């Protein structure tokens, strides 16, 4: 990923989470990936994918808390009280993460006891056009 792409991804994540402290830098070990941080904390990584001439990205972030604590944890981590966790219709193994009316991604349960979640967020190249 080049500097311009990293800057667009950073701006997109900052807008999505409502947090200006998010940073995106080249991954230390993977060529077409980036590390996402918030201050000193490592949030996760973004991996680029090129399919049929279209470039897209996949952001994954582990969240080590139970469902009951999920919304409060994310609001505190990102300093944004507009973040909401909502149940998905007919799905018990995942929830939706939103910033106000805007959908961010889906959070899936990592283990049978639902003690942790993983946020999965797709970022299309068109999502970065208006950044």
Protein backbone atom coordinates (compact mmCIF):
# COMPACT_ATOMS: atom_id res chain seq x y z
CA UNK A 1 0.00 0.00 0.00
CA UNK A 2 1.30 3.44 -0.84
CA UNK A 3 1.19 6.57 1.33
CA UNK A 4 -1.87 8.00 -0.43
CA UNK A 5 -3.83 4.78 0.10
CA UNK A 6 -2.82 4.61 3.76
CA UNK A 7 -3.93 8.23 4.25
CA UNK A 8 -7.32 7.49 2.65
CA UNK A 9 -7.79 4.39 4.80
CA UNK A 10 -6.88 6.39 7.93
CA UNK A 11 -9.39 9.11 7.04
CA UNK A 12 -12.08 6.52 6.32
CA UNK A 13 -11.57 4.73 9.65
CA UNK A 14 -11.48 8.01 11.56
CA UNK A 15 -14.77 9.04 10.00
CA UNK A 16 -16.35 5.58 10.44
CA UNK A 17 -15.50 5.35 14.15
CA UNK A 18 -15.75 9.09 14.89
CA UNK A 19 -12.24 9.07 16.32
CA UNK A 20 -9.40 11.30 15.06
CA UNK A 21 -6.75 9.36 16.99
CA UNK A 22 -6.82 6.28 14.73
CA UNK A 23 -3.62 5.78 12.75
CA UNK A 24 -2.81 3.49 9.80
CA UNK A 25 0.77 2.58 8.87
CA UNK A 26 2.42 -0.04 6.67
CA UNK A 27 2.42 -3.52 8.16
CA UNK A 28 5.79 -4.52 9.59
CA UNK A 29 5.73 -8.03 8.05
CA UNK A 30 3.07 -8.17 5.32
CA UNK A 31 3.47 -6.42 1.97
CA UNK A 32 -0.13 -5.57 1.08
CA UNK A 33 -1.39 -4.91 4.59
CA UNK A 34 -1.49 -2.13 7.17
CA UNK A 35 -1.52 -1.94 10.94
CA UNK A 36 -4.24 0.09 12.64
CA UNK A 37 -3.49 1.70 16.00
CA UNK A 38 -5.14 4.00 18.51
CA UNK A 39 -2.41 5.71 20.47
CA UNK A 40 -0.09 2.93 21.62
CA UNK A 41 -2.80 0.24 21.31
CA UNK A 42 -2.82 -2.06 18.31
CA UNK A 43 -6.43 -2.25 17.03
CA UNK A 44 -6.01 -4.68 14.16
CA UNK A 45 -4.99 -4.87 10.55
CA UNK A 46 -6.20 -4.04 7.08
CA UNK A 47 -5.50 -6.43 4.21
CA UNK A 48 -5.83 -5.36 0.57
CA UNK A 49 -7.47 -7.57 -2.04
CA UNK A 50 -7.40 -7.19 -5.80
CA UNK A 51 -10.15 -9.06 -7.61
CA UNK A 52 -11.33 -8.51 -11.18
CA UNK A 53 -9.48 -5.19 -11.32
CA UNK A 54 -11.27 -3.85 -8.25
CA UNK A 55 -9.25 -3.10 -5.13
CA UNK A 56 -10.90 -3.58 -1.77
CA UNK A 57 -9.79 -3.83 1.85
CA UNK A 58 -10.72 -5.88 4.86
CA UNK A 59 -10.28 -4.50 8.39
CA UNK A 60 -10.32 -6.96 11.28
CA UNK A 61 -10.24 -6.03 14.96
CA UNK A 62 -10.44 -8.34 17.99
CA UNK A 63 -12.57 -7.11 20.90
CA UNK A 64 -11.97 -9.06 24.15
CA UNK A 65 -15.30 -8.42 25.92
CA UNK A 66 -18.70 -10.08 26.33
CA UNK A 67 -21.86 -8.90 24.56
CA UNK A 68 -23.16 -7.05 27.64
CA UNK A 69 -19.98 -4.91 27.76
CA UNK A 70 -19.41 -4.51 24.03
CA UNK A 71 -21.08 -1.16 23.36
CA UNK A 72 -19.67 0.54 26.47
CA UNK A 73 -16.18 -0.81 25.70
CA UNK A 74 -16.22 0.49 22.11
CA UNK A 75 -17.66 3.88 23.08
CA UNK A 76 -14.93 4.34 25.67
CA UNK A 77 -12.13 3.07 23.42
CA UNK A 78 -13.05 5.42 20.54
CA UNK A 79 -14.43 8.29 22.63
CA UNK A 80 -17.69 8.21 20.68
CA UNK A 81 -21.10 7.85 22.35
CA UNK A 82 -22.79 7.42 18.95
CA UNK A 83 -21.38 3.91 18.51
CA UNK A 84 -24.13 1.33 18.93
CA UNK A 85 -24.20 -2.46 18.94
CA UNK A 86 -27.44 -3.91 17.56
CA UNK A 87 -28.75 -7.45 17.30
CA UNK A 88 -29.08 -8.98 13.84
CA UNK A 89 -32.34 -10.53 12.75
CA UNK A 90 -32.31 -14.32 13.17
CA UNK A 91 -28.59 -14.28 14.02
CA UNK A 92 -27.30 -15.07 17.49
CA UNK A 93 -23.61 -15.39 16.68
CA UNK A 94 -23.07 -11.81 15.60
CA UNK A 95 -24.13 -8.18 16.06
CA UNK A 96 -23.93 -5.02 13.96
CA UNK A 97 -21.74 -2.06 14.85
CA UNK A 98 -23.03 1.37 13.82
CA UNK A 99 -21.95 4.98 14.24
CA UNK A 100 -25.29 6.74 14.52
CA UNK A 101 -27.20 5.76 11.37
CA UNK A 102 -24.05 4.58 9.54
CA UNK A 103 -23.22 0.88 9.43
CA UNK A 104 -19.58 0.11 10.26
CA UNK A 105 -19.44 -3.67 10.19
CA UNK A 106 -20.43 -6.99 11.70
CA UNK A 107 -19.00 -8.34 14.93
CA UNK A 108 -18.92 -12.13 15.20
CA UNK A 109 -18.57 -14.20 18.34
CA UNK A 110 -15.12 -15.78 18.68
CA UNK A 111 -15.90 -18.55 21.15
CA UNK A 112 -18.76 -20.71 22.42
CA UNK A 113 -19.14 -18.68 25.61
CA UNK A 114 -19.27 -15.33 23.70
CA UNK A 115 -16.42 -13.86 25.73
CA UNK A 116 -14.88 -12.04 22.75
CA UNK A 117 -15.80 -10.70 19.33
CA UNK A 118 -14.12 -9.88 16.04
CA UNK A 119 -15.15 -6.84 14.01
CA UNK A 120 -15.09 -7.48 10.28
CA UNK A 121 -15.30 -4.39 8.11
CA UNK A 122 -15.18 -4.35 4.32
CA UNK A 123 -13.83 -1.20 2.70
CA UNK A 124 -14.41 -0.82 -1.03
CA UNK A 125 -12.26 1.39 -3.23
CA UNK A 126 -15.34 3.58 -3.84
CA UNK A 127 -15.56 4.17 -0.06
CA UNK A 128 -12.21 5.94 -0.34
CA UNK A 129 -13.14 8.15 -3.30
CA UNK A 130 -14.86 10.79 -1.14
CA UNK A 131 -12.10 10.89 1.48
